[in-house]
Every structure is written in C-alpha cells, then in structure tokens.
C-alpha atoms as a PDB file:
ATOM      1  CA  MET A   1       0.000   0.000   0.000  1.00  0.00           C
ATOM      2  CA  PRO A   2       1.475   3.387  -0.943  1.00  0.00           C
ATOM      3  CA  ALA A   3       2.125   5.972   1.751  1.00  0.00           C
ATOM      4  CA  PRO A   4      -0.638   8.562   2.089  1.00  0.00           C
ATOM      5  CA  SER A   5      -0.271  12.213   1.228  1.00  0.00           C
ATOM      6  CA  VAL A   6      -0.249  14.408   4.308  1.00  0.00           C
ATOM      7  CA  GLU A   7      -1.531  17.969   4.654  1.00  0.00           C
ATOM      8  CA  PRO A   8      -2.434  20.356   7.505  1.00  0.00           C
ATOM      9  CA  PHE A   9      -5.597  19.759   9.515  1.00  0.00           C
ATOM     10  CA  SER A  10      -8.320  22.416   9.214  1.00  0.00           C
ATOM     11  CA  ASP A  11     -11.936  23.028  10.221  1.00  0.00           C
ATOM     12  CA  ALA A  12     -12.986  21.428   6.938  1.00  0.00           C
ATOM     13  CA  HIS A  13     -11.759  18.067   8.266  1.00  0.00           C
ATOM     14  CA  LEU A  14     -13.792  17.983  11.483  1.00  0.00           C
ATOM     15  CA  ASP A  15     -16.656  15.911  10.056  1.00  0.00           C
ATOM     16  CA  VAL A  16     -14.491  13.175   8.603  1.00  0.00           C
ATOM     17  CA  ALA A  17     -12.293  13.157  11.721  1.00  0.00           C
ATOM     18  CA  GLY A  18     -15.428  12.590  13.814  1.00  0.00           C
ATOM     19  CA  GLU A  19     -16.316   9.620  11.626  1.00  0.00           C
ATOM     20  CA  LEU A  20     -12.828   8.158  11.971  1.00  0.00           C
ATOM     21  CA  LEU A  21     -12.847   8.615  15.754  1.00  0.00           C
ATOM     22  CA  ALA A  22     -16.320   7.073  16.087  1.00  0.00           C
ATOM     23  CA  ALA A  23     -15.154   4.036  14.097  1.00  0.00           C
ATOM     24  CA  ARG A  24     -12.086   3.653  16.328  1.00  0.00           C
ATOM     25  CA  HIS A  25     -14.186   3.940  19.462  1.00  0.00           C
ATOM     26  CA  LEU A  26     -16.617   1.333  18.164  1.00  0.00           C
ATOM     27  CA  ARG A  27     -13.708  -1.086  17.739  1.00  0.00           C
ATOM     28  CA  HIS A  28     -12.474  -0.194  21.206  1.00  0.00           C
ATOM     29  CA  ARG A  29     -15.844  -0.878  22.837  1.00  0.00           C
ATOM     30  CA  ARG A  30     -16.041  -4.304  21.245  1.00  0.00           C
ATOM     31  CA  VAL A  31     -13.079  -5.145  23.478  1.00  0.00           C
ATOM     32  CA  GLU A  32     -13.924  -2.855  26.426  1.00  0.00           C
ATOM     33  CA  PRO A  33     -17.724  -2.374  26.508  1.00  0.00           C
ATOM     34  CA  LEU A  34     -17.639  -0.441  29.803  1.00  0.00           C
ATOM     35  CA  LEU A  35     -16.497   2.655  27.911  1.00  0.00           C
ATOM     36  CA  SER A  36     -19.193   5.168  27.002  1.00  0.00           C
ATOM     37  CA  ALA A  37     -21.239   4.284  23.913  1.00  0.00           C
ATOM     38  CA  ARG A  38     -21.832   7.984  23.232  1.00  0.00           C
ATOM     39  CA  TYR A  39     -18.681   8.372  21.163  1.00  0.00           C
ATOM     40  CA  GLU A  40     -19.774   5.764  18.658  1.00  0.00           C
ATOM     41  CA  ASP A  41     -21.984   8.555  17.305  1.00  0.00           C
ATOM     42  CA  PRO A  42     -19.974  10.524  14.701  1.00  0.00           C
ATOM     43  CA  ALA A  43     -21.568  13.817  15.781  1.00  0.00           C
ATOM     44  CA  THR A  44     -20.522  13.285  19.420  1.00  0.00           C
ATOM     45  CA  ALA A  45     -17.067  12.143  18.315  1.00  0.00           C
ATOM     46  CA  ARG A  46     -16.792  15.221  16.084  1.00  0.00           C
ATOM     47  CA  ALA A  47     -17.445  17.447  19.105  1.00  0.00           C
ATOM     48  CA  GLU A  48     -14.530  15.749  20.884  1.00  0.00           C
ATOM     49  CA  VAL A  49     -12.245  16.296  17.908  1.00  0.00           C
ATOM     50  CA  GLU A  50     -13.285  19.935  17.778  1.00  0.00           C
ATOM     51  CA  ARG A  51     -12.611  20.301  21.508  1.00  0.00           C
ATOM     52  CA  VAL A  52      -8.979  19.226  21.115  1.00  0.00           C
ATOM     53  CA  TRP A  53      -8.651  21.230  17.897  1.00  0.00           C
ATOM     54  CA  ARG A  54      -9.749  24.423  19.700  1.00  0.00           C
ATOM     55  CA  ILE A  55      -7.117  24.104  22.432  1.00  0.00           C
ATOM     56  CA  GLU A  56      -4.745  27.044  22.253  1.00  0.00           C
ATOM     57  CA  GLY A  57      -1.714  26.213  20.141  1.00  0.00           C
ATOM     58  CA  ALA A  58      -3.241  23.088  18.560  1.00  0.00           C
ATOM     59  CA  SER A  59      -2.002  21.924  15.179  1.00  0.00           C
ATOM     60  CA  GLY A  60      -2.315  18.743  13.209  1.00  0.00           C
ATOM     61  CA  THR A  61      -2.338  16.784   9.996  1.00  0.00           C
ATOM     62  CA  ILE A  62      -4.653  14.660   7.859  1.00  0.00           C
ATOM     63  CA  ALA A  63      -3.750  11.759   5.602  1.00  0.00           C
ATOM     64  CA  ARG A  64      -5.279  11.180   2.175  1.00  0.00           C
ATOM     65  CA  ARG A  65      -5.171   8.174  -0.081  1.00  0.00           C
ATOM     66  CA  GLU A  66      -6.827   8.594  -3.513  1.00  0.00           C
ATOM     67  CA  GLU A  67      -8.502  11.797  -2.253  1.00  0.00           C
ATOM     68  CA  HIS A  68     -10.089   9.905   0.628  1.00  0.00           C
ATOM     69  CA  VAL A  69      -9.192  11.109   4.156  1.00  0.00           C
ATOM     70  CA  VAL A  70      -7.909   8.025   5.962  1.00  0.00           C
ATOM     71  CA  GLY A  71      -6.570   9.526   9.183  1.00  0.00           C
ATOM     72  CA  TYR A  72      -5.926  12.619  11.275  1.00  0.00           C
ATOM     73  CA  LEU A  73      -3.693  13.725  14.135  1.00  0.00           C
ATOM     74  CA  ILE A  74      -3.994  16.772  16.410  1.00  0.00           C
ATOM     75  CA  GLY A  75      -1.598  17.831  19.164  1.00  0.00           C
ATOM     76  CA  ALA A  76      -1.564  20.785  21.533  1.00  0.00           C
ATOM     77  CA  PRO A  77       0.730  21.981  24.328  1.00  0.00           C
ATOM     78  CA  ARG A  78      -0.194  21.875  27.988  1.00  0.00           C
ATOM     79  CA  PRO A  79       0.833  24.951  29.969  1.00  0.00           C
ATOM     80  CA  ASN A  80       1.926  23.049  33.091  1.00  0.00           C
ATOM     81  CA  PRO A  81       5.752  23.237  33.124  1.00  0.00           C
ATOM     82  CA  VAL A  82       6.016  19.768  34.684  1.00  0.00           C
ATOM     83  CA  TRP A  83       5.459  18.289  31.197  1.00  0.00           C
ATOM     84  CA  GLY A  84       8.398  20.192  29.736  1.00  0.00           C
ATOM     85  CA  GLU A  85       8.245  21.818  26.305  1.00  0.00           C
ATOM     86  CA  ASN A  86       5.438  19.511  25.325  1.00  0.00           C
ATOM     87  CA  VAL A  87       2.756  18.480  22.882  1.00  0.00           C
ATOM     88  CA  TRP A  88      -0.148  16.224  23.921  1.00  0.00           C
ATOM     89  CA  ILE A  89      -2.105  14.094  21.477  1.00  0.00           C
ATOM     90  CA  GLU A  90      -5.257  13.404  23.462  1.00  0.00           C
ATOM     91  CA  ALA A  91      -7.415  10.286  23.128  1.00  0.00           C
ATOM     92  CA  ALA A  92      -9.586  12.182  20.634  1.00  0.00           C
ATOM     93  CA  GLY A  93      -6.532  13.594  18.866  1.00  0.00           C
ATOM     94  CA  HIS A  94      -5.881  10.768  16.431  1.00  0.00           C
ATOM     95  CA  ALA A  95      -7.635   8.044  14.443  1.00  0.00           C
ATOM     96  CA  VAL A  96      -6.640   6.194  11.294  1.00  0.00           C
ATOM     97  CA  GLU A  97      -8.034   3.508   9.045  1.00  0.00           C
ATOM     98  CA  VAL A  98      -4.589   1.910   8.657  1.00  0.00           C
ATOM     99  CA  ALA A  99      -2.349   1.957  11.735  1.00  0.00           C
ATOM    100  CA  GLU A 100       0.838   2.553   9.761  1.00  0.00           C
ATOM    101  CA  ASP A 101      -0.512   5.896   8.535  1.00  0.00           C
ATOM    102  CA  VAL A 102      -0.164   7.413  12.005  1.00  0.00           C
ATOM    103  CA  ARG A 103       3.604   7.359  11.429  1.00  0.00           C
ATOM    104  CA  ASP A 104       3.255   9.564   8.357  1.00  0.00           C
ATOM    105  CA  LEU A 105       0.856  11.895  10.172  1.00  0.00           C
ATOM    106  CA  TYR A 106       3.238  12.234  13.110  1.00  0.00           C
ATOM    107  CA  ALA A 107       6.300  12.710  10.897  1.00  0.00           C
ATOM    108  CA  VAL A 108       4.859  15.880   9.395  1.00  0.00           C
ATOM    109  CA  ALA A 109       3.243  17.236  12.567  1.00  0.00           C
ATOM    110  CA  ALA A 110       6.281  16.556  14.770  1.00  0.00           C
ATOM    111  CA  ALA A 111       8.630  18.395  12.429  1.00  0.00           C
ATOM    112  CA  ALA A 112       6.800  21.632  13.224  1.00  0.00           C
ATOM    113  CA  TRP A 113       6.579  20.881  16.951  1.00  0.00           C
ATOM    114  CA  VAL A 114      10.293  20.219  17.297  1.00  0.00           C
ATOM    115  CA  GLU A 115      11.089  23.312  15.264  1.00  0.00           C
ATOM    116  CA  GLU A 116       9.052  25.244  17.843  1.00  0.00           C
ATOM    117  CA  GLY A 117      11.198  23.714  20.584  1.00  0.00           C
ATOM    118  CA  ARG A 118       8.526  21.274  21.808  1.00  0.00           C
ATOM    119  CA  SER A 119      10.439  18.029  22.227  1.00  0.00           C
ATOM    120  CA  GLN A 120       8.359  16.206  24.874  1.00  0.00           C
ATOM    121  CA  HIS A 121       5.536  14.325  23.134  1.00  0.00           C
ATOM    122  CA  TYR A 122       2.652  12.450  24.769  1.00  0.00           C
ATOM    123  CA  VAL A 123      -0.133  10.399  23.174  1.00  0.00           C
ATOM    124  CA  LEU A 124      -3.115   8.473  24.570  1.00  0.00           C
ATOM    125  CA  VAL A 125      -3.831   5.248  22.670  1.00  0.00           C
ATOM    126  CA  PRO A 126      -6.552   2.604  23.158  1.00  0.00           C
ATOM    127  CA  ALA A 127      -4.896  -0.371  24.850  1.00  0.00           C
ATOM    128  CA  SER A 128      -6.862  -2.758  22.624  1.00  0.00           C
ATOM    129  CA  GLU A 129      -5.369  -1.337  19.396  1.00  0.00           C
ATOM    130  CA  ARG A 130      -2.224  -3.455  19.374  1.00  0.00           C
ATOM    131  CA  VAL A 131      -1.301  -2.691  15.766  1.00  0.00           C
ATOM    132  CA  LEU A 132      -1.755   1.026  16.399  1.00  0.00           C
ATOM    133  CA  LEU A 133       0.369   0.787  19.539  1.00  0.00           C
ATOM    134  CA  ASP A 134       3.056  -0.952  17.517  1.00  0.00           C
ATOM    135  CA  ALA A 135       3.045   1.929  15.034  1.00  0.00           C
ATOM    136  CA  TRP A 136       3.599   4.398  17.885  1.00  0.00           C
ATOM    137  CA  TRP A 137       6.322   2.222  19.435  1.00  0.00           C
ATOM    138  CA  ARG A 138       8.148   2.276  16.105  1.00  0.00           C
ATOM    139  CA  LEU A 139       8.181   6.055  16.439  1.00  0.00           C
ATOM    140  CA  SER A 140      10.244   5.627  19.636  1.00  0.00           C
ATOM    141  CA  PHE A 141       7.296   6.130  21.977  1.00  0.00           C
ATOM    142  CA  GLY A 142       7.245   4.056  25.159  1.00  0.00           C
ATOM    143  CA  GLN A 143       4.608   3.279  27.767  1.00  0.00           C
ATOM    144  CA  GLN A 144       4.439   5.754  30.633  1.00  0.00           C
ATOM    145  CA  HIS A 145       0.966   5.514  32.157  1.00  0.00           C
ATOM    146  CA  ALA A 146      -2.076   3.217  32.141  1.00  0.00           C
ATOM    147  CA  HIS A 147      -5.749   4.095  32.583  1.00  0.00           C
ATOM    148  CA  GLY A 148      -7.582   1.093  34.036  1.00  0.00           C
ATOM    149  CA  ILE A 149     -11.226   0.104  34.151  1.00  0.00           C
ATOM    150  CA  ARG A 150     -13.302  -2.624  35.751  1.00  0.00           C
ATOM    151  CA  GLU A 151     -16.829  -3.518  36.824  1.00  0.00           C
ATOM    152  CA  VAL A 152     -17.937  -2.706  40.368  1.00  0.00           C
ATOM    153  CA  PRO A 153     -18.764  -6.085  41.935  1.00  0.00           C
ATOM    154  CA  ASP A 154     -22.217  -6.586  43.411  1.00  0.00           C
ATOM    155  CA  SER A 155     -20.593  -7.591  46.675  1.00  0.00           C
ATOM    156  CA  ALA A 156     -17.095  -7.220  48.077  1.00  0.00           C
ATOM    157  CA  ASP A 157     -15.362  -9.360  50.657  1.00  0.00           C
ATOM    158  CA  VAL A 158     -13.714  -6.755  52.864  1.00  0.00           C
ATOM    159  CA  ARG A 159     -11.225  -8.564  55.062  1.00  0.00           C
ATOM    160  CA  VAL A 160      -9.403  -6.060  57.236  1.00  0.00           C
ATOM    161  CA  PRO A 161      -6.036  -7.360  58.473  1.00  0.00           C
ATOM    162  CA  ASP A 162      -5.678  -7.910  62.195  1.00  0.00           C
ATOM    163  CA  GLY A 163      -4.761  -4.735  64.034  1.00  0.00           C
ATOM    164  CA  PHE A 164      -6.108  -2.439  61.300  1.00  0.00           C
ATOM    165  CA  GLU A 165      -9.361  -0.552  60.806  1.00  0.00           C
ATOM    166  CA  ILE A 166     -10.959   1.236  57.858  1.00  0.00           C
ATOM    167  CA  ARG A 167     -12.739   4.532  58.488  1.00  0.00           C
ATOM    168  CA  GLY A 168     -12.965   8.132  57.382  1.00  0.00           C
ATOM    169  CA  PRO A 169     -10.239  10.735  58.032  1.00  0.00           C
ATOM    170  CA  ARG A 170     -10.323  13.046  61.050  1.00  0.00           C
ATOM    171  CA  GLU A 171      -9.234  16.660  61.172  1.00  0.00           C
ATOM    172  CA  GLU A 172      -7.184  16.178  64.320  1.00  0.00           C
ATOM    173  CA  GLU A 173      -4.894  13.701  62.507  1.00  0.00           C
ATOM    174  CA  VAL A 174      -3.982  15.960  59.607  1.00  0.00           C
ATOM    175  CA  GLU A 175      -0.249  15.718  60.332  1.00  0.00           C
ATOM    176  CA  GLN A 176      -0.399  11.932  59.999  1.00  0.00           C
ATOM    177  CA  LEU A 177      -2.527  12.239  56.854  1.00  0.00           C
ATOM    178  CA  ILE A 178       0.207  14.433  55.369  1.00  0.00           C
ATOM    179  CA  ASP A 179       2.672  11.581  55.874  1.00  0.00           C
ATOM    180  CA  VAL A 180       0.378   9.293  53.875  1.00  0.00           C
ATOM    181  CA  ASP A 181      -0.113  11.956  51.209  1.00  0.00           C
ATOM    182  CA  LEU A 182       3.604  12.537  50.660  1.00  0.00           C
ATOM    183  CA  ALA A 183       4.508   8.831  50.619  1.00  0.00           C
ATOM    184  CA  LEU A 184       3.220   8.447  47.051  1.00  0.00           C
ATOM    185  CA  PRO A 185       5.192  11.229  45.303  1.00  0.00           C
ATOM    186  CA  ASP A 186       8.251  10.231  47.303  1.00  0.00           C
ATOM    187  CA  HIS A 187       7.949   6.697  45.931  1.00  0.00           C
ATOM    188  CA  GLN A 188       7.312   7.979  42.397  1.00  0.00           C
ATOM    189  CA  GLN A 189      10.561   9.941  42.406  1.00  0.00           C
ATOM    190  CA  ARG A 190      12.590   6.809  43.067  1.00  0.00           C
ATOM    191  CA  SER A 191      13.846   4.230  40.589  1.00  0.00           C
ATOM    192  CA  PRO A 192      12.512   3.061  38.190  1.00  0.00           C
ATOM    193  CA  VAL A 193       9.809   5.765  37.940  1.00  0.00           C
ATOM    194  CA  PHE A 194      12.021   8.866  38.265  1.00  0.00           C
ATOM    195  CA  SER A 195       8.956  11.107  38.153  1.00  0.00           C
ATOM    196  CA  SER A 196       9.593  14.770  37.476  1.00  0.00           C
ATOM    197  CA  LEU A 197       6.468  15.812  39.381  1.00  0.00           C
ATOM    198  CA  ALA A 198       7.388  18.078  42.270  1.00  0.00           C
ATOM    199  CA  VAL A 199       6.740  16.702  45.753  1.00  0.00           C
ATOM    200  CA  TRP A 200       4.298  18.823  47.716  1.00  0.00           C
ATOM    201  CA  SER A 201       5.559  20.567  50.803  1.00  0.00           C
ATOM    202  CA  ARG A 202       3.947  19.679  54.109  1.00  0.00           C
ATOM    203  CA  GLU A 203       2.339  23.124  54.111  1.00  0.00           C
ATOM    204  CA  GLU A 204       0.758  22.539  50.692  1.00  0.00           C
ATOM    205  CA  SER A 205      -0.444  19.092  51.721  1.00  0.00           C
ATOM    206  CA  ARG A 206      -1.876  20.439  54.978  1.00  0.00           C
ATOM    207  CA  GLU A 207      -3.793  23.140  53.118  1.00  0.00           C
ATOM    208  CA  GLU A 208      -5.182  20.584  50.661  1.00  0.00           C
ATOM    209  CA  TRP A 209      -6.217  18.169  53.421  1.00  0.00           C
ATOM    210  CA  LEU A 210      -8.001  20.893  55.396  1.00  0.00           C
ATOM    211  CA  LYS A 211      -9.850  21.979  52.243  1.00  0.00           C
ATOM    212  CA  THR A 212     -10.772  18.390  51.366  1.00  0.00           C
ATOM    213  CA  LEU A 213     -12.046  17.677  54.868  1.00  0.00           C
ATOM    214  CA  ALA A 214     -14.089  20.867  54.871  1.00  0.00           C
ATOM    215  CA  ASP A 215     -15.588  20.395  51.409  1.00  0.00           C
ATOM    216  CA  GLN A 216     -16.445  16.707  51.878  1.00  0.00           C
ATOM    217  CA  GLU A 217     -16.680  16.336  48.096  1.00  0.00           C
ATOM    218  CA  GLU A 218     -14.476  13.248  48.020  1.00  0.00           C
ATOM    219  CA  THR A 219     -15.080   9.871  49.591  1.00  0.00           C
ATOM    220  CA  ILE A 220     -11.915   9.059  51.525  1.00  0.00           C
ATOM    221  CA  LEU A 221     -11.221   5.745  53.203  1.00  0.00           C
ATOM    222  CA  ILE A 222      -8.379   5.584  55.684  1.00  0.00           C
ATOM    223  CA  GLY A 223      -6.551   2.459  56.745  1.00  0.00           C
ATOM    224  CA  ALA A 224      -5.403   2.908  60.344  1.00  0.00           C
ATOM    225  CA  ARG A 225      -3.161   0.848  62.620  1.00  0.00           C
ATOM    226  CA  ASP A 226      -3.563   1.431  66.341  1.00  0.00           C
ATOM    227  CA  GLY A 227      -5.479   4.607  65.479  1.00  0.00           C
ATOM    228  CA  ARG A 228      -2.733   5.968  63.211  1.00  0.00           C
ATOM    229  CA  PRO A 229      -3.540   6.583  59.520  1.00  0.00           C
ATOM    230  CA  VAL A 230      -1.152   4.475  57.428  1.00  0.00           C
ATOM    231  CA  ALA A 231      -2.984   4.374  54.076  1.00  0.00           C
ATOM    232  CA  GLY A 232      -5.603   6.396  52.217  1.00  0.00           C
ATOM    233  CA  TRP A 233      -7.828   5.800  49.183  1.00  0.00           C
ATOM    234  CA  ALA A 234      -9.867   8.686  47.647  1.00  0.00           C
ATOM    235  CA  TYR A 235     -12.834   8.427  45.267  1.00  0.00           C
ATOM    236  CA  VAL A 236     -14.712  11.012  43.183  1.00  0.00           C
ATOM    237  CA  PRO A 237     -17.160  10.847  40.266  1.00  0.00           C
ATOM    238  CA  ALA A 238     -15.136  10.318  37.090  1.00  0.00           C
ATOM    239  CA  GLU A 239     -16.453  13.495  35.494  1.00  0.00           C
ATOM    240  CA  ARG A 240     -14.797  15.561  38.237  1.00  0.00           C
ATOM    241  CA  SER A 241     -11.323  14.682  36.983  1.00  0.00           C
ATOM    242  CA  SER A 242      -9.988  16.479  33.924  1.00  0.00           C
ATOM    243  CA  GLU A 243      -7.894  13.391  33.088  1.00  0.00           C
ATOM    244  CA  THR A 244     -10.852  10.982  33.007  1.00  0.00           C
ATOM    245  CA  ARG A 245     -13.497  12.945  31.161  1.00  0.00           C
ATOM    246  CA  ASN A 246     -14.657  12.294  27.639  1.00  0.00           C
ATOM    247  CA  LEU A 247     -13.408   9.123  25.937  1.00  0.00           C
ATOM    248  CA  LEU A 248     -11.410   7.964  28.960  1.00  0.00           C
ATOM    249  CA  GLY A 249     -14.355   8.237  31.345  1.00  0.00           C
ATOM    250  CA  PRO A 250     -17.265   5.785  31.261  1.00  0.00           C
ATOM    251  CA  ASP A 251     -20.688   7.165  32.049  1.00  0.00           C
ATOM    252  CA  HIS A 252     -21.575   7.229  35.772  1.00  0.00           C
ATOM    253  CA  ALA A 253     -18.225   5.839  36.884  1.00  0.00           C
ATOM    254  CA  ALA A 254     -16.333   6.222  40.142  1.00  0.00           C
ATOM    255  CA  PHE A 255     -12.710   7.334  39.892  1.00  0.00           C
ATOM    256  CA  LEU A 256     -10.143   6.053  42.373  1.00  0.00           C
ATOM    257  CA  GLY A 257      -7.956   9.104  42.107  1.00  0.00           C
ATOM    258  CA  PHE A 258      -5.515   8.602  44.980  1.00  0.00           C
ATOM    259  CA  ALA A 259      -4.112   5.601  46.816  1.00  0.00           C
ATOM    260  CA  SER A 260      -1.088   5.709  49.089  1.00  0.00           C
ATOM    261  CA  THR A 261       0.339   3.505  51.829  1.00  0.00           C
ATOM    262  CA  LEU A 262       3.249   4.258  54.137  1.00  0.00           C
ATOM    263  CA  PRO A 263       6.274   2.179  53.065  1.00  0.00           C
ATOM    264  CA  GLU A 264       6.438   0.103  56.243  1.00  0.00           C
ATOM    265  CA  PHE A 265       2.820  -1.057  55.777  1.00  0.00           C
ATOM    266  CA  ARG A 266       3.007  -2.023  52.099  1.00  0.00           C
ATOM    267  CA  GLY A 267       2.312  -5.715  51.727  1.00  0.00           C
ATOM    268  CA  SER A 268       0.301  -5.832  54.965  1.00  0.00           C
ATOM    269  CA  GLY A 269      -3.010  -6.365  53.179  1.00  0.00           C
ATOM    270  CA  ILE A 270      -4.491  -3.004  54.115  1.00  0.00           C
ATOM    271  CA  GLY A 271      -4.356  -1.819  50.491  1.00  0.00           C
ATOM    272  CA  VAL A 272      -6.345  -4.835  49.320  1.00  0.00           C
ATOM    273  CA  ALA A 273      -8.872  -4.248  52.109  1.00  0.00           C
ATOM    274  CA  LEU A 274      -9.213  -0.563  51.204  1.00  0.00           C
ATOM    275  CA  THR A 275      -9.777  -1.477  47.554  1.00  0.00           C
ATOM    276  CA  GLU A 276     -12.506  -3.968  48.476  1.00  0.00           C
ATOM    277  CA  ALA A 277     -14.048  -1.394  50.826  1.00  0.00           C
ATOM    278  CA  GLY A 278     -14.034   1.044  47.904  1.00  0.00           C
ATOM    279  CA  PHE A 279     -15.882  -1.456  45.730  1.00  0.00           C
ATOM    280  CA  ALA A 280     -18.466  -1.882  48.499  1.00  0.00           C
ATOM    281  CA  TRP A 281     -18.899   1.889  48.780  1.00  0.00           C
ATOM    282  CA  ALA A 282     -19.221   2.277  44.996  1.00  0.00           C
ATOM    283  CA  ALA A 283     -21.860  -0.467  44.758  1.00  0.00           C
ATOM    284  CA  GLN A 284     -23.868   1.132  47.555  1.00  0.00           C
ATOM    285  CA  ALA A 285     -23.572   4.531  45.834  1.00  0.00           C
ATOM    286  CA  GLY A 286     -24.978   3.071  42.615  1.00  0.00           C
ATOM    287  CA  TYR A 287     -21.808   2.965  40.504  1.00  0.00           C
ATOM    288  CA  GLU A 288     -21.352   0.065  38.112  1.00  0.00           C
ATOM    289  CA  VAL A 289     -17.882   1.004  36.830  1.00  0.00           C
ATOM    290  CA  MET A 290     -14.661   2.083  38.537  1.00  0.00           C
ATOM    291  CA  ILE A 291     -11.556   3.530  36.905  1.00  0.00           C
ATOM    292  CA  THR A 292      -8.080   4.358  38.135  1.00  0.00           C
ATOM    293  CA  ASP A 293      -4.646   4.996  36.645  1.00  0.00           C
ATOM    294  CA  TRP A 294      -1.025   4.240  37.387  1.00  0.00           C
ATOM    295  CA  ARG A 295       2.530   4.735  36.182  1.00  0.00           C
ATOM    296  CA  VAL A 296       3.632   1.590  34.401  1.00  0.00           C
ATOM    297  CA  THR A 297       7.170   2.118  35.704  1.00  0.00           C
ATOM    298  CA  ASN A 298       5.872   1.998  39.282  1.00  0.00           C
ATOM    299  CA  LEU A 299       6.514  -1.664  40.032  1.00  0.00           C
ATOM    300  CA  LEU A 300       4.120  -1.732  42.982  1.00  0.00           C
ATOM    301  CA  SER A 301       1.083  -0.097  41.402  1.00  0.00           C
ATOM    302  CA  SER A 302       1.548  -1.657  37.952  1.00  0.00           C
ATOM    303  CA  ARG A 303       1.207  -5.079  39.604  1.00  0.00           C
ATOM    304  CA  PHE A 304      -1.302  -4.205  42.314  1.00  0.00           C
ATOM    305  CA  TRP A 305      -4.067  -2.693  40.200  1.00  0.00           C
ATOM    306  CA  PRO A 306      -4.272  -5.408  37.511  1.00  0.00           C
ATOM    307  CA  ARG A 307      -4.453  -7.957  40.343  1.00  0.00           C
ATOM    308  CA  ARG A 308      -7.460  -6.047  41.641  1.00  0.00           C
ATOM    309  CA  GLY A 309      -9.179  -6.585  38.300  1.00  0.00           C
ATOM    310  CA  PHE A 310      -8.395  -3.300  36.531  1.00  0.00           C
ATOM    311  CA  ARG A 311      -7.846  -3.721  32.793  1.00  0.00           C
ATOM    312  CA  PRO A 312      -5.824  -1.111  30.878  1.00  0.00           C
ATOM    313  CA  ALA A 313      -8.244   0.787  28.623  1.00  0.00           C
ATOM    314  CA  PHE A 314      -5.873   3.516  27.428  1.00  0.00           C
ATOM    315  CA  LEU A 315      -2.098   3.774  27.533  1.00  0.00           C
ATOM    316  CA  ARG A 316      -0.220   7.050  27.668  1.00  0.00           C
ATOM    317  CA  LEU A 317       2.919   6.864  25.574  1.00  0.00           C
ATOM    318  CA  TYR A 318       5.820   9.283  25.783  1.00  0.00           C
ATOM    319  CA  ARG A 319       8.751  10.308  23.621  1.00  0.00           C
ATOM    320  CA  SER A 320      11.546  12.695  24.508  1.00  0.00           C
ATOM    321  CA  ILE A 321      13.517  14.016  21.562  1.00  0.00           C
ATOM    322  CA  PRO A 322      17.127  14.964  22.445  1.00  0.00           C
END
C-alpha cells in the first residue's frame, strides 16, 4: 500500500475526523464495553475532535489516499511546566483507518513541533489497538501511564487485616494524613519511575487536606493501625477529573484518584482491604464502573491494580527528543 499524502488539519476536516474517531471507538468498545457508547456517534465524536482542535496552540495533519481522508492527528501543548516543552495528542486527537498511517501523520506534525522547541511528546492510545500501539512504538514512543477500568462487583469481601481498621479521616490527625499523602510522590521519584512531578511541601499538603475535609466532596477511606492513619484511598465521580473525562471516562463511573500507603505497611493487606471497601462503597452509591490509573514504571502499582481486576483501557505513551 502506498504511503498517504499528508496535509495540515483544518476546520474542513472535522466531520471526517469525527467519523474516523467514532469508528475507532466502536472497535475499542467491542473489546472494552464499559467505555461510554456515546462516542460511537460521529456527531458526538466530532465534538470531541473539535474540543482538542480548539485548544490554544493546537495543530495537526490529515492523511489522504486517492482523495479519501484516511486519518488525522492533532496535538496541543499543555501549559503546566512539569510536562516540559510539550505536545499532547489526546485520546480524541488521532484516528486512522490503517495503523501505519499514524507514522506519516506524526512525521509531518512533529517536524513543526520540534522546530518550535517542543520536544516532549505524549499520546493516549486505546490499549486494545495493538497494531496502532506498535506503530507508535516504532516512532520511539514508550509506555508511561495506564488508565484502568473494571466492573464494580455486586458484593465485596472486605477482610481487614488484624490490628487495622478502615474509616474516614479526622481533622485532628492531619499531620499523619500528610505523611500518607507525601509517601506516594516520594515513591514515584525513586527508581525506576524517576517522576519529574514536584513533591508537595507539608504546608501545601496540609492546606489541601483541610480543604478536602471541609468540602467533603471526596469519599476518603483511611486504613489505620492502632489509630494511626497508614494508608488512604480517595474516590470522586469520574467526570470531576480532567484526566478521566470524555473518551477515557465511562458514564456514571467512580474514579479512584488517589491511593497511598506508608512504606512500612506495604504488603500488609491493608491496600487490598481498602480497595474492596471502595468497591463496596461504589456499589452502595450506585456505581457500576470504577476507573483508576497508574505509572507503568511503578513496580508496585503496575502489579497491584491489575491484580485487583483493573484492565488497561488507554495507555499514555511518551517520547523525549534529544
């Protein structure tokens, strides 16, 4: 098959891009039916493409073969400096009929991005699209992050380890909650994750905990040993998180957005108990789906969450260009 011709993306391509995205999402849902069916509708998919196209600084490409548009790619920078001089290709930012064509689309788009000095590239890809993933891997992208999904069980067997309890957080133990909060970014900065995310200060964590406890907008489960908080799991509706909206977020899903255990209590069983307690809470609250995410280079979380039944639905890939 000959390589496609590639040209800049424009408003005139929104309709066909919506059709391509809807077709990709339909394939994805055949493998992962818990994802929202809404984006199988080309009009709804088109709105998602337009959303990423309207992000400030967005640019992209389309691929043609015999005058027929067979793929598109859109990337846009994120202002947060933690991502470096970056471009993000969101879940709605690419779809192709032939996986190999994404390499041609990226080749043209990336030339402009690198010329602008944007050398940190991120892309979200359906985990079920193995041939598409292979095309990205052959562009020197590697796995960085996984977005997992699973059904909420009708019943959960919550077995709390001896000496532990599961309960809500208390304002008078904020200093101990800070220890739990900071244990996760501390772990993420170590090998083999080497996260560049800045670790919060105790003052920043204290302020966030006091706000969270006052707002009561999150469901937080604390694992405590002898009254001391040693682990914490936090849940919110999926639509509250900017990272789990749209294609990544199933309808009416609960999002496990934070989970952290003090190092000396990892492997004690309290994390498993908190996860099962979270399933029980979600079932009682009427949720049928739960999602979470993890760094694939985090050896603990990348093994723990799949063992709890979470299936990768999307993978975030990353490429740094010297």
